[in-house]
Amino acid sequence: GRFTAADINYTSNYLAKLVKDNDLPPKVLVLHRFTKGMITGY
């Protein structure tokens, strides 16, 4: 399968809102990858 930059940006923005709304330290977001096609539009 694959994720696009839009998928990743959605996830980052979702986490960023939780961090800001709840005064949390930054979240780590891990993206798994072993082919070029798994992540598009880096």
Full PDB file with SEQRES, HELIX, SHEET, SSBOND, CRYST1, ORIGX, SCALE, CONECT and MASTER records, all heavy atoms in Angstrom:
SEQRES   1 A   42  GLY ARG PHE THR ALA ALA ASP ILE ASN TYR THR SER ASN          
SEQRES   2 A   42  TYR LEU ALA LYS LEU VAL LYS ASP ASN ASP LEU PRO PRO          
SEQRES   3 A   42  LYS VAL LEU VAL LEU HIS ARG PHE THR LYS GLY MET ILE          
SEQRES   4 A   42  THR GLY TYR                                                  
HELIX    1 AA1 ALA A    5  ASN A   22  1                                  18    
HELIX    2 AA2 LYS A   36  MET A   38  5                                   3    
SHEET    1 AA1 2 PHE A   3  THR A   4  0                                        
SHEET    2 AA1 2 ILE A  39  THR A  40  1                                        
CRYST1    1.000    1.000    1.000  90.00  90.00  90.00 P 1           1          
ORIGX1      1.000000  0.000000  0.000000        0.00000                         
ORIGX2      0.000000  1.000000  0.000000        0.00000                         
ORIGX3      0.000000  0.000000  1.000000        0.00000                         
SCALE1      1.000000  0.000000  0.000000        0.00000                         
SCALE2      0.000000  1.000000  0.000000        0.00000                         
SCALE3      0.000000  0.000000  1.000000        0.00000                         
ATOM      1  N   GLY A   1       0.811  -1.214   0.000  1.00  0.00           N  
ATOM      2  CA  GLY A   1       0.000   0.000   0.000  1.00  0.00           C  
ATOM      3  C   GLY A   1       0.847   1.267   0.000  1.00  0.00           C  
ATOM      4  O   GLY A   1       2.058   1.231  -0.194  1.00  0.00           O  
ATOM      5  N   ARG A   2       0.179   2.402   0.251  1.00  0.00           N  
ATOM      6  CA  ARG A   2       0.905   3.674   0.231  1.00  0.00           C  
ATOM      7  C   ARG A   2       0.167   4.748   1.023  1.00  0.00           C  
ATOM      8  O   ARG A   2      -1.047   4.664   1.235  1.00  0.00           O  
ATOM      9  CB  ARG A   2       1.106   4.166  -1.203  1.00  0.00           C  
ATOM     10  CG  ARG A   2      -0.177   4.474  -1.955  1.00  0.00           C  
ATOM     11  CD  ARG A   2       0.081   4.824  -3.412  1.00  0.00           C  
ATOM     12  NE  ARG A   2      -1.160   4.881  -4.166  1.00  0.00           N  
ATOM     13  CZ  ARG A   2      -1.887   5.986  -4.313  1.00  0.00           C  
ATOM     14  NH1 ARG A   2      -1.489   7.115  -3.771  1.00  0.00           N  
ATOM     15  NH2 ARG A   2      -3.009   5.954  -5.024  1.00  0.00           N  
ATOM     16  N   PHE A   3       0.947   5.735   1.442  1.00  0.00           N  
ATOM     17  CA  PHE A   3       0.417   6.980   1.980  1.00  0.00           C  
ATOM     18  C   PHE A   3       0.948   8.126   1.134  1.00  0.00           C  
ATOM     19  O   PHE A   3       2.083   8.090   0.647  1.00  0.00           O  
ATOM     20  CB  PHE A   3       0.843   7.201   3.436  1.00  0.00           C  
ATOM     21  CG  PHE A   3       0.030   6.455   4.451  1.00  0.00           C  
ATOM     22  CD1 PHE A   3       0.655   5.784   5.494  1.00  0.00           C  
ATOM     23  CD2 PHE A   3      -1.351   6.421   4.386  1.00  0.00           C  
ATOM     24  CE1 PHE A   3      -0.079   5.097   6.440  1.00  0.00           C  
ATOM     25  CE2 PHE A   3      -2.107   5.732   5.326  1.00  0.00           C  
ATOM     26  CZ  PHE A   3      -1.461   5.069   6.351  1.00  0.00           C  
ATOM     27  N   THR A   4       0.137   9.143   0.968  1.00  0.00           N  
ATOM     28  CA  THR A   4       0.543  10.342   0.249  1.00  0.00           C  
ATOM     29  C   THR A   4       0.976  11.421   1.246  1.00  0.00           C  
ATOM     30  O   THR A   4       0.750  11.301   2.462  1.00  0.00           O  
ATOM     31  CB  THR A   4      -0.615  10.891  -0.586  1.00  0.00           C  
ATOM     32  OG1 THR A   4      -1.668  11.330   0.312  1.00  0.00           O  
ATOM     33  CG2 THR A   4      -1.174   9.827  -1.525  1.00  0.00           C  
ATOM     34  N   ALA A   5       1.586  12.478   0.727  1.00  0.00           N  
ATOM     35  CA  ALA A   5       1.939  13.608   1.583  1.00  0.00           C  
ATOM     36  C   ALA A   5       0.691  14.177   2.259  1.00  0.00           C  
ATOM     37  O   ALA A   5       0.759  14.612   3.419  1.00  0.00           O  
ATOM     38  CB  ALA A   5       2.635  14.688   0.759  1.00  0.00           C  
ATOM     39  N   ALA A   6      -0.439  14.137   1.581  1.00  0.00           N  
ATOM     40  CA  ALA A   6      -1.683  14.640   2.178  1.00  0.00           C  
ATOM     41  C   ALA A   6      -2.078  13.800   3.397  1.00  0.00           C  
ATOM     42  O   ALA A   6      -2.543  14.345   4.408  1.00  0.00           O  
ATOM     43  CB  ALA A   6      -2.798  14.637   1.139  1.00  0.00           C  
ATOM     44  N   ASP A   7      -1.903  12.474   3.308  1.00  0.00           N  
ATOM     45  CA  ASP A   7      -2.195  11.602   4.454  1.00  0.00           C  
ATOM     46  C   ASP A   7      -1.305  11.953   5.641  1.00  0.00           C  
ATOM     47  O   ASP A   7      -1.759  12.035   6.790  1.00  0.00           O  
ATOM     48  CB  ASP A   7      -1.959  10.134   4.083  1.00  0.00           C  
ATOM     49  CG  ASP A   7      -2.926   9.611   3.045  1.00  0.00           C  
ATOM     50  OD1 ASP A   7      -4.120   9.945   3.118  1.00  0.00           O  
ATOM     51  OD2 ASP A   7      -2.485   8.863   2.149  1.00  0.00           O  
ATOM     52  N   ILE A   8      -0.029  12.156   5.348  1.00  0.00           N  
ATOM     53  CA  ILE A   8       0.934  12.434   6.419  1.00  0.00           C  
ATOM     54  C   ILE A   8       0.696  13.811   7.014  1.00  0.00           C  
ATOM     55  O   ILE A   8       0.758  13.998   8.236  1.00  0.00           O  
ATOM     56  CB  ILE A   8       2.364  12.283   5.873  1.00  0.00           C  
ATOM     57  CG1 ILE A   8       2.593  10.820   5.446  1.00  0.00           C  
ATOM     58  CG2 ILE A   8       3.397  12.710   6.911  1.00  0.00           C  
ATOM     59  CD1 ILE A   8       3.792  10.615   4.561  1.00  0.00           C  
ATOM     60  N   ASN A   9       0.388  14.786   6.168  1.00  0.00           N  
ATOM     61  CA  ASN A   9       0.105  16.131   6.677  1.00  0.00           C  
ATOM     62  C   ASN A   9      -1.170  16.151   7.508  1.00  0.00           C  
ATOM     63  O   ASN A   9      -1.254  16.875   8.520  1.00  0.00           O  
ATOM     64  CB  ASN A   9       0.001  17.122   5.523  1.00  0.00           C  
ATOM     65  CG  ASN A   9       1.345  17.420   4.889  1.00  0.00           C  
ATOM     66  OD1 ASN A   9       2.392  17.245   5.503  1.00  0.00           O  
ATOM     67  ND2 ASN A   9       1.328  17.860   3.638  1.00  0.00           N  
ATOM     68  N   TYR A  10      -2.166  15.367   7.112  1.00  0.00           N  
ATOM     69  CA  TYR A  10      -3.378  15.262   7.939  1.00  0.00           C  
ATOM     70  C   TYR A  10      -3.006  14.745   9.329  1.00  0.00           C  
ATOM     71  O   TYR A  10      -3.434  15.291  10.358  1.00  0.00           O  
ATOM     72  CB  TYR A  10      -4.418  14.335   7.311  1.00  0.00           C  
ATOM     73  CG  TYR A  10      -5.447  13.890   8.323  1.00  0.00           C  
ATOM     74  CD1 TYR A  10      -6.481  14.737   8.710  1.00  0.00           C  
ATOM     75  CD2 TYR A  10      -5.342  12.643   8.956  1.00  0.00           C  
ATOM     76  CE1 TYR A  10      -7.394  14.358   9.695  1.00  0.00           C  
ATOM     77  CE2 TYR A  10      -6.250  12.259   9.932  1.00  0.00           C  
ATOM     78  CZ  TYR A  10      -7.271  13.116  10.295  1.00  0.00           C  
ATOM     79  OH  TYR A  10      -8.162  12.742  11.276  1.00  0.00           O  
ATOM     80  N   THR A  11      -2.194  13.670   9.357  1.00  0.00           N  
ATOM     81  CA  THR A  11      -1.809  13.052  10.626  1.00  0.00           C  
ATOM     82  C   THR A  11      -1.001  14.019  11.482  1.00  0.00           C  
ATOM     83  O   THR A  11      -1.235  14.147  12.692  1.00  0.00           O  
ATOM     84  CB  THR A  11      -1.000  11.773  10.373  1.00  0.00           C  
ATOM     85  OG1 THR A  11      -1.767  10.894   9.546  1.00  0.00           O  
ATOM     86  CG2 THR A  11      -0.662  11.064  11.672  1.00  0.00           C  
ATOM     87  N   SER A  12      -0.043  14.725  10.868  1.00  0.00           N  
ATOM     88  CA  SER A  12       0.766  15.692  11.609  1.00  0.00           C  
ATOM     89  C   SER A  12      -0.090  16.808  12.194  1.00  0.00           C  
ATOM     90  O   SER A  12       0.081  17.202  13.353  1.00  0.00           O  
ATOM     91  CB  SER A  12       1.841  16.296  10.697  1.00  0.00           C  
ATOM     92  OG  SER A  12       2.836  15.356  10.400  1.00  0.00           O  
ATOM     93  N   ASN A  13      -1.006  17.320  11.405  1.00  0.00           N  
ATOM     94  CA  ASN A  13      -1.872  18.388  11.892  1.00  0.00           C  
ATOM     95  C   ASN A  13      -2.801  17.899  13.000  1.00  0.00           C  
ATOM     96  O   ASN A  13      -3.088  18.642  13.949  1.00  0.00           O  
ATOM     97  CB  ASN A  13      -2.681  18.982  10.735  1.00  0.00           C  
ATOM     98  CG  ASN A  13      -1.862  19.955   9.903  1.00  0.00           C  
ATOM     99  OD1 ASN A  13      -1.470  21.021  10.359  1.00  0.00           O  
ATOM    100  ND2 ASN A  13      -1.579  19.581   8.665  1.00  0.00           N  
ATOM    101  N   TYR A  14      -3.250  16.669  12.874  1.00  0.00           N  
ATOM    102  CA  TYR A  14      -4.096  16.079  13.919  1.00  0.00           C  
ATOM    103  C   TYR A  14      -3.326  15.993  15.235  1.00  0.00           C  
ATOM    104  O   TYR A  14      -3.816  16.398  16.297  1.00  0.00           O  
ATOM    105  CB  TYR A  14      -4.563  14.693  13.474  1.00  0.00           C  
ATOM    106  CG  TYR A  14      -5.418  13.977  14.501  1.00  0.00           C  
ATOM    107  CD1 TYR A  14      -6.790  14.209  14.572  1.00  0.00           C  
ATOM    108  CD2 TYR A  14      -4.843  13.091  15.407  1.00  0.00           C  
ATOM    109  CE1 TYR A  14      -7.566  13.568  15.527  1.00  0.00           C  
ATOM    110  CE2 TYR A  14      -5.606  12.449  16.360  1.00  0.00           C  
ATOM    111  CZ  TYR A  14      -6.968  12.691  16.412  1.00  0.00           C  
ATOM    112  OH  TYR A  14      -7.727  12.057  17.361  1.00  0.00           O  
ATOM    113  N   LEU A  15      -2.090  15.482  15.155  1.00  0.00           N  
ATOM    114  CA  LEU A  15      -1.264  15.374  16.362  1.00  0.00           C  
ATOM    115  C   LEU A  15      -0.886  16.753  16.901  1.00  0.00           C  
ATOM    116  O   LEU A  15      -0.885  16.971  18.122  1.00  0.00           O  
ATOM    117  CB  LEU A  15       0.005  14.580  16.051  1.00  0.00           C  
ATOM    118  CG  LEU A  15      -0.173  13.090  15.739  1.00  0.00           C  
ATOM    119  CD1 LEU A  15       1.154  12.478  15.323  1.00  0.00           C  
ATOM    120  CD2 LEU A  15      -0.763  12.337  16.922  1.00  0.00           C  
ATOM    121  N   ALA A  16      -0.567  17.677  16.014  1.00  0.00           N  
ATOM    122  CA  ALA A  16      -0.177  19.016  16.448  1.00  0.00           C  
ATOM    123  C   ALA A  16      -1.302  19.703  17.220  1.00  0.00           C  
ATOM    124  O   ALA A  16      -1.057  20.396  18.220  1.00  0.00           O  
ATOM    125  CB  ALA A  16       0.219  19.862  15.239  1.00  0.00           C  
ATOM    126  N   LYS A  17      -2.527  19.496  16.793  1.00  0.00           N  
ATOM    127  CA  LYS A  17      -3.668  20.086  17.507  1.00  0.00           C  
ATOM    128  C   LYS A  17      -3.790  19.505  18.910  1.00  0.00           C  
ATOM    129  O   LYS A  17      -4.058  20.231  19.878  1.00  0.00           O  
ATOM    130  CB  LYS A  17      -4.955  19.865  16.721  1.00  0.00           C  
ATOM    131  CG  LYS A  17      -6.164  20.596  17.313  1.00  0.00           C  
ATOM    132  CD  LYS A  17      -7.384  20.448  16.434  1.00  0.00           C  
ATOM    133  CE  LYS A  17      -8.539  21.329  16.927  1.00  0.00           C  
ATOM    134  NZ  LYS A  17      -8.908  21.079  18.339  1.00  0.00           N  
ATOM    135  N   LEU A  18      -3.581  18.192  19.040  1.00  0.00           N  
ATOM    136  CA  LEU A  18      -3.629  17.569  20.363  1.00  0.00           C  
ATOM    137  C   LEU A  18      -2.532  18.145  21.261  1.00  0.00           C  
ATOM    138  O   LEU A  18      -2.752  18.400  22.445  1.00  0.00           O  
ATOM    139  CB  LEU A  18      -3.453  16.054  20.245  1.00  0.00           C  
ATOM    140  CG  LEU A  18      -4.587  15.259  19.604  1.00  0.00           C  
ATOM    141  CD1 LEU A  18      -4.256  13.774  19.609  1.00  0.00           C  
ATOM    142  CD2 LEU A  18      -5.909  15.511  20.313  1.00  0.00           C  
ATOM    143  N   VAL A  19      -1.345  18.338  20.690  1.00  0.00           N  
ATOM    144  CA  VAL A  19      -0.227  18.884  21.453  1.00  0.00           C  
ATOM    145  C   VAL A  19      -0.556  20.291  21.938  1.00  0.00           C  
ATOM    146  O   VAL A  19      -0.349  20.633  23.115  1.00  0.00           O  
ATOM    147  CB  VAL A  19       1.061  18.888  20.600  1.00  0.00           C  
ATOM    148  CG1 VAL A  19       2.161  19.710  21.272  1.00  0.00           C  
ATOM    149  CG2 VAL A  19       1.539  17.455  20.360  1.00  0.00           C  
ATOM    150  N   LYS A  20      -1.081  21.129  21.045  1.00  0.00           N  
ATOM    151  CA  LYS A  20      -1.378  22.515  21.416  1.00  0.00           C  
ATOM    152  C   LYS A  20      -2.551  22.605  22.386  1.00  0.00           C  
ATOM    153  O   LYS A  20      -2.505  23.359  23.369  1.00  0.00           O  
ATOM    154  CB  LYS A  20      -1.658  23.331  20.148  1.00  0.00           C  
ATOM    155  CG  LYS A  20      -0.398  23.606  19.332  1.00  0.00           C  
ATOM    156  CD  LYS A  20      -0.655  24.479  18.123  1.00  0.00           C  
ATOM    157  CE  LYS A  20      -1.269  23.712  16.974  1.00  0.00           C  
ATOM    158  NZ  LYS A  20      -1.306  24.490  15.719  1.00  0.00           N  
ATOM    159  N   ASP A  21      -3.608  21.836  22.120  1.00  0.00           N  
ATOM    160  CA  ASP A  21      -4.802  21.910  22.959  1.00  0.00           C  
ATOM    161  C   ASP A  21      -4.575  21.371  24.360  1.00  0.00           C  
ATOM    162  O   ASP A  21      -5.253  21.774  25.319  1.00  0.00           O  
ATOM    163  CB  ASP A  21      -5.961  21.146  22.307  1.00  0.00           C  
ATOM    164  CG  ASP A  21      -6.502  21.842  21.068  1.00  0.00           C  
ATOM    165  OD1 ASP A  21      -6.098  22.990  20.811  1.00  0.00           O  
ATOM    166  OD2 ASP A  21      -7.322  21.224  20.352  1.00  0.00           O  
ATOM    167  N   ASN A  22      -3.630  20.431  24.500  1.00  0.00           N  
ATOM    168  CA  ASN A  22      -3.413  19.772  25.791  1.00  0.00           C  
ATOM    169  C   ASN A  22      -2.057  20.083  26.403  1.00  0.00           C  
ATOM    170  O   ASN A  22      -1.671  19.455  27.394  1.00  0.00           O  
ATOM    171  CB  ASN A  22      -3.576  18.263  25.615  1.00  0.00           C  
ATOM    172  CG  ASN A  22      -4.978  17.880  25.174  1.00  0.00           C  
ATOM    173  OD1 ASN A  22      -5.887  17.787  25.992  1.00  0.00           O  
ATOM    174  ND2 ASN A  22      -5.158  17.668  23.874  1.00  0.00           N  
ATOM    175  N   ASP A  23      -1.331  21.058  25.811  1.00  0.00           N  
ATOM    176  CA  ASP A  23      -0.029  21.488  26.306  1.00  0.00           C  
ATOM    177  C   ASP A  23       0.903  20.290  26.511  1.00  0.00           C  
ATOM    178  O   ASP A  23       1.466  20.084  27.595  1.00  0.00           O  
ATOM    179  CB  ASP A  23      -0.171  22.270  27.611  1.00  0.00           C  
ATOM    180  CG  ASP A  23       1.118  23.017  27.973  1.00  0.00           C  
ATOM    181  OD1 ASP A  23       1.928  23.267  27.061  1.00  0.00           O  
ATOM    182  OD2 ASP A  23       1.315  23.317  29.163  1.00  0.00           O  
ATOM    183  N   LEU A  24       1.078  19.500  25.450  1.00  0.00           N  
ATOM    184  CA  LEU A  24       1.899  18.295  25.487  1.00  0.00           C  
ATOM    185  C   LEU A  24       3.270  18.550  24.870  1.00  0.00           C  
ATOM    186  O   LEU A  24       3.437  19.487  24.084  1.00  0.00           O  
ATOM    187  CB  LEU A  24       1.208  17.169  24.704  1.00  0.00           C  
ATOM    188  CG  LEU A  24      -0.188  16.749  25.162  1.00  0.00           C  
ATOM    189  CD1 LEU A  24      -0.790  15.769  24.160  1.00  0.00           C  
ATOM    190  CD2 LEU A  24      -0.139  16.140  26.550  1.00  0.00           C  
ATOM    191  N   PRO A  25       4.248  17.728  25.186  1.00  0.00           N  
ATOM    192  CA  PRO A  25       5.513  17.784  24.445  1.00  0.00           C  
ATOM    193  C   PRO A  25       5.282  17.276  23.026  1.00  0.00           C  
ATOM    194  O   PRO A  25       4.252  16.633  22.746  1.00  0.00           O  
ATOM    195  CB  PRO A  25       6.434  16.850  25.225  1.00  0.00           C  
ATOM    196  CG  PRO A  25       5.513  15.926  25.946  1.00  0.00           C  
ATOM    197  CD  PRO A  25       4.273  16.719  26.256  1.00  0.00           C  
ATOM    198  N   PRO A  26       6.196  17.528  22.109  1.00  0.00           N  
ATOM    199  CA  PRO A  26       5.990  17.101  20.721  1.00  0.00           C  
ATOM    200  C   PRO A  26       5.766  15.600  20.595  1.00  0.00           C  
ATOM    201  O   PRO A  26       6.326  14.799  21.352  1.00  0.00           O  
ATOM    202  CB  PRO A  26       7.295  17.517  20.029  1.00  0.00           C  
ATOM    203  CG  PRO A  26       7.813  18.637  20.857  1.00  0.00           C  
ATOM    204  CD  PRO A  26       7.450  18.302  22.267  1.00  0.00           C  
ATOM    205  N   LYS A  27       4.947  15.231  19.625  1.00  0.00           N  
ATOM    206  CA  LYS A  27       4.697  13.828  19.316  1.00  0.00           C  
ATOM    207  C   LYS A  27       5.702  13.337  18.279  1.00  0.00           C  
ATOM    208  O   LYS A  27       6.076  14.068  17.357  1.00  0.00           O  
ATOM    209  CB  LYS A  27       3.285  13.643  18.764  1.00  0.00           C  
ATOM    210  CG  LYS A  27       2.162  13.938  19.744  1.00  0.00           C  
ATOM    211  CD  LYS A  27       2.134  12.930  20.880  1.00  0.00           C  
ATOM    212  CE  LYS A  27       0.964  13.194  21.817  1.00  0.00           C  
ATOM    213  NZ  LYS A  27       0.989  12.255  22.973  1.00  0.00           N  
ATOM    214  N   VAL A  28       6.113  12.091  18.422  1.00  0.00           N  
ATOM    215  CA  VAL A  28       6.912  11.425  17.398  1.00  0.00           C  
ATOM    216  C   VAL A  28       5.953  10.690  16.469  1.00  0.00           C  
ATOM    217  O   VAL A  28       5.050   9.974  16.924  1.00  0.00           O  
ATOM    218  CB  VAL A  28       7.911  10.437  18.027  1.00  0.00           C  
ATOM    219  CG1 VAL A  28       8.650   9.645  16.947  1.00  0.00           C  
ATOM    220  CG2 VAL A  28       8.906  11.180  18.914  1.00  0.00           C  
ATOM    221  N   LEU A  29       6.135  10.871  15.165  1.00  0.00           N  
ATOM    222  CA  LEU A  29       5.316  10.197  14.155  1.00  0.00           C  
ATOM    223  C   LEU A  29       6.237   9.327  13.309  1.00  0.00           C  
ATOM    224  O   LEU A  29       7.097   9.840  12.581  1.00  0.00           O  
ATOM    225  CB  LEU A  29       4.590  11.213  13.274  1.00  0.00           C  
ATOM    226  CG  LEU A  29       3.839  10.641  12.062  1.00  0.00           C  
ATOM    227  CD1 LEU A  29       2.766   9.645  12.490  1.00  0.00           C  
ATOM    228  CD2 LEU A  29       3.223  11.766  11.228  1.00  0.00           C  
ATOM    229  N   VAL A  30       6.067   8.006  13.407  1.00  0.00           N  
ATOM    230  CA  VAL A  30       6.907   7.056  12.682  1.00  0.00           C  
ATOM    231  C   VAL A  30       6.193   6.618  11.410  1.00  0.00           C  
ATOM    232  O   VAL A  30       5.035   6.185  11.444  1.00  0.00           O  
ATOM    233  CB  VAL A  30       7.222   5.824  13.555  1.00  0.00           C  
ATOM    234  CG1 VAL A  30       8.076   4.823  12.777  1.00  0.00           C  
ATOM    235  CG2 VAL A  30       7.927   6.249  14.843  1.00  0.00           C  
ATOM    236  N   LEU A  31       6.910   6.729  10.268  1.00  0.00           N  
ATOM    237  CA  LEU A  31       6.395   6.283   8.974  1.00  0.00           C  
ATOM    238  C   LEU A  31       7.242   5.108   8.512  1.00  0.00           C  
ATOM    239  O   LEU A  31       8.455   5.224   8.388  1.00  0.00           O  
ATOM    240  CB  LEU A  31       6.478   7.412   7.946  1.00  0.00           C  
ATOM    241  CG  LEU A  31       5.927   8.779   8.360  1.00  0.00           C  
ATOM    242  CD1 LEU A  31       6.231   9.812   7.286  1.00  0.00           C  
ATOM    243  CD2 LEU A  31       4.432   8.697   8.623  1.00  0.00           C  
ATOM    244  N   HIS A  32       6.611   3.969   8.270  1.00  0.00           N  
ATOM    245  CA  HIS A  32       7.346   2.781   7.830  1.00  0.00           C  
ATOM    246  C   HIS A  32       7.523   2.819   6.311  1.00  0.00           C  
ATOM    247  O   HIS A  32       6.609   3.195   5.573  1.00  0.00           O  
ATOM    248  CB  HIS A  32       6.597   1.517   8.242  1.00  0.00           C  
ATOM    249  CG  HIS A  32       6.378   1.421   9.724  1.00  0.00           C  
ATOM    250  ND1 HIS A  32       7.390   1.152  10.601  1.00  0.00           N  
ATOM    251  CD2 HIS A  32       5.264   1.583  10.473  1.00  0.00           C  
ATOM    252  CE1 HIS A  32       6.915   1.133  11.826  1.00  0.00           C  
ATOM    253  NE2 HIS A  32       5.625   1.403  11.788  1.00  0.00           N  
ATOM    254  N   ARG A  33       8.705   2.384   5.854  1.00  0.00           N  
ATOM    255  CA  ARG A  33       8.951   2.452   4.419  1.00  0.00           C  
ATOM    256  C   ARG A  33      10.078   1.501   3.998  1.00  0.00           C  
ATOM    257  O   ARG A  33      11.114   1.432   4.650  1.00  0.00           O  
ATOM    258  CB  ARG A  33       9.356   3.874   4.023  1.00  0.00           C  
ATOM    259  CG  ARG A  33       9.406   4.116   2.536  1.00  0.00           C  
ATOM    260  CD  ARG A  33       9.811   5.544   2.221  1.00  0.00           C  
ATOM    261  NE  ARG A  33       9.553   5.870   0.831  1.00  0.00           N  
ATOM    262  CZ  ARG A  33       9.934   6.992   0.237  1.00  0.00           C  
ATOM    263  NH1 ARG A  33      10.588   7.912   0.915  1.00  0.00           N  
ATOM    264  NH2 ARG A  33       9.661   7.209  -1.033  1.00  0.00           N  
ATOM    265  N   PHE A  34       9.837   0.766   2.899  1.00  0.00           N  
ATOM    266  CA  PHE A  34      10.924  -0.016   2.301  1.00  0.00           C  
ATOM    267  C   PHE A  34      10.874   0.003   0.780  1.00  0.00           C  
ATOM    268  O   PHE A  34      11.683  -0.648   0.119  1.00  0.00           O  
ATOM    269  CB  PHE A  34      10.941  -1.460   2.830  1.00  0.00           C  
ATOM    270  CG  PHE A  34       9.645  -2.213   2.651  1.00  0.00           C  
ATOM    271  CD1 PHE A  34       9.387  -2.921   1.492  1.00  0.00           C  
ATOM    272  CD2 PHE A  34       8.705  -2.238   3.666  1.00  0.00           C  
ATOM    273  CE1 PHE A  34       8.207  -3.620   1.319  1.00  0.00           C  
ATOM    274  CE2 PHE A  34       7.514  -2.939   3.518  1.00  0.00           C  
ATOM    275  CZ  PHE A  34       7.269  -3.635   2.341  1.00  0.00           C  
ATOM    276  N   THR A  35       9.914   0.754   0.190  1.00  0.00           N  
ATOM    277  CA  THR A  35       9.900   0.998  -1.252  1.00  0.00           C  
ATOM    278  C   THR A  35       9.605   2.474  -1.475  1.00  0.00           C  
ATOM    279  O   THR A  35       9.013   3.150  -0.617  1.00  0.00           O  
ATOM    280  CB  THR A  35       8.828   0.171  -1.990  1.00  0.00           C  
ATOM    281  OG1 THR A  35       7.525   0.671  -1.652  1.00  0.00           O  
ATOM    282  CG2 THR A  35       8.922  -1.312  -1.648  1.00  0.00           C  
ATOM    283  N   LYS A  36       9.977   2.993  -2.636  1.00  0.00           N  
ATOM    284  CA  LYS A  36       9.693   4.399  -2.943  1.00  0.00           C  
ATOM    285  C   LYS A  36       8.197   4.660  -3.005  1.00  0.00           C  
ATOM    286  O   LYS A  36       7.713   5.702  -2.572  1.00  0.00           O  
ATOM    287  CB  LYS A  36      10.359   4.785  -4.264  1.00  0.00           C  
ATOM    288  CG  LYS A  36      11.859   5.049  -4.154  1.00  0.00           C  
ATOM    289  CD  LYS A  36      12.393   5.712  -5.413  1.00  0.00           C  
ATOM    290  CE  LYS A  36      13.882   6.024  -5.283  1.00  0.00           C  
ATOM    291  NZ  LYS A  36      14.143   7.078  -4.297  1.00  0.00           N  
ATOM    292  N   GLY A  37       7.442   3.698  -3.564  1.00  0.00           N  
ATOM    293  CA  GLY A  37       6.023   3.918  -3.757  1.00  0.00           C  
ATOM    294  C   GLY A  37       5.199   3.952  -2.489  1.00  0.00           C  
ATOM    295  O   GLY A  37       4.040   4.384  -2.512  1.00  0.00           O  
ATOM    296  N   MET A  38       5.767   3.533  -1.348  1.00  0.00           N  
ATOM    297  CA  MET A  38       5.002   3.521  -0.099  1.00  0.00           C  
ATOM    298  C   MET A  38       4.709   4.920   0.425  1.00  0.00           C  
ATOM    299  O   MET A  38       3.716   5.135   1.130  1.00  0.00           O  
ATOM    300  CB  MET A  38       5.754   2.716   0.964  1.00  0.00           C  
ATOM    301  CG  MET A  38       5.789   1.230   0.692  1.00  0.00           C  
ATOM    302  SD  MET A  38       6.858   0.324   1.833  1.00  0.00           S  
ATOM    303  CE  MET A  38       5.893   0.398   3.344  1.00  0.00           C  
ATOM    304  N   ILE A  39       5.600   5.881   0.114  1.00  0.00           N  
ATOM    305  CA  ILE A  39       5.397   7.284   0.498  1.00  0.00           C  
ATOM    306  C   ILE A  39       5.535   8.117  -0.767  1.00  0.00           C  
ATOM    307  O   ILE A  39       6.579   8.094  -1.418  1.00  0.00           O  
ATOM    308  CB  ILE A  39       6.439   7.757   1.519  1.00  0.00           C  
ATOM    309  CG1 ILE A  39       6.403   6.899   2.785  1.00  0.00           C  
ATOM    310  CG2 ILE A  39       6.248   9.228   1.844  1.00  0.00           C  
ATOM    311  CD1 ILE A  39       5.218   7.120   3.673  1.00  0.00           C  
ATOM    312  N   THR A  40       4.490   8.847  -1.131  1.00  0.00           N  
ATOM    313  CA  THR A  40       4.558   9.668  -2.338  1.00  0.00           C  
ATOM    314  C   THR A  40       4.488  11.157  -1.978  1.00  0.00           C  
ATOM    315  O   THR A  40       3.829  11.540  -1.016  1.00  0.00           O  
ATOM    316  CB  THR A  40       3.415   9.323  -3.308  1.00  0.00           C  
ATOM    317  OG1 THR A  40       2.152   9.577  -2.670  1.00  0.00           O  
ATOM    318  CG2 THR A  40       3.477   7.858  -3.715  1.00  0.00           C  
ATOM    319  N   GLY A  41       5.199  11.967  -2.769  1.00  0.00           N  
ATOM    320  CA  GLY A  41       5.166  13.422  -2.577  1.00  0.00           C  
ATOM    321  C   GLY A  41       5.899  13.880  -1.343  1.00  0.00           C  
ATOM    322  O   GLY A  41       5.453  14.811  -0.668  1.00  0.00           O  
ATOM    323  N   TYR A  42       7.050  13.275  -1.048  1.00  0.00           N  
ATOM    324  CA  TYR A  42       7.752  13.598   0.208  1.00  0.00           C  
ATOM    325  C   TYR A  42       8.093  15.077   0.328  1.00  0.00           C  
ATOM    326  O   TYR A  42       8.168  15.619   1.436  1.00  0.00           O  
ATOM    327  CB  TYR A  42       9.014  12.730   0.343  1.00  0.00           C  
ATOM    328  CG  TYR A  42      10.218  13.233  -0.413  1.00  0.00           C  
ATOM    329  CD1 TYR A  42      11.191  14.010   0.209  1.00  0.00           C  
ATOM    330  CD2 TYR A  42      10.382  12.956  -1.776  1.00  0.00           C  
ATOM    331  CE1 TYR A  42      12.292  14.480  -0.484  1.00  0.00           C  
ATOM    332  CE2 TYR A  42      11.481  13.419  -2.473  1.00  0.00           C  
ATOM    333  CZ  TYR A  42      12.442  14.180  -1.822  1.00  0.00           C  
ATOM    334  OH  TYR A  42      13.525  14.644  -2.506  1.00  0.00           O  
TER     335      TYR A  42                                                      
MASTER        0    0    0    2    2    0    0    6  334    1    0    4          
END                                                                             
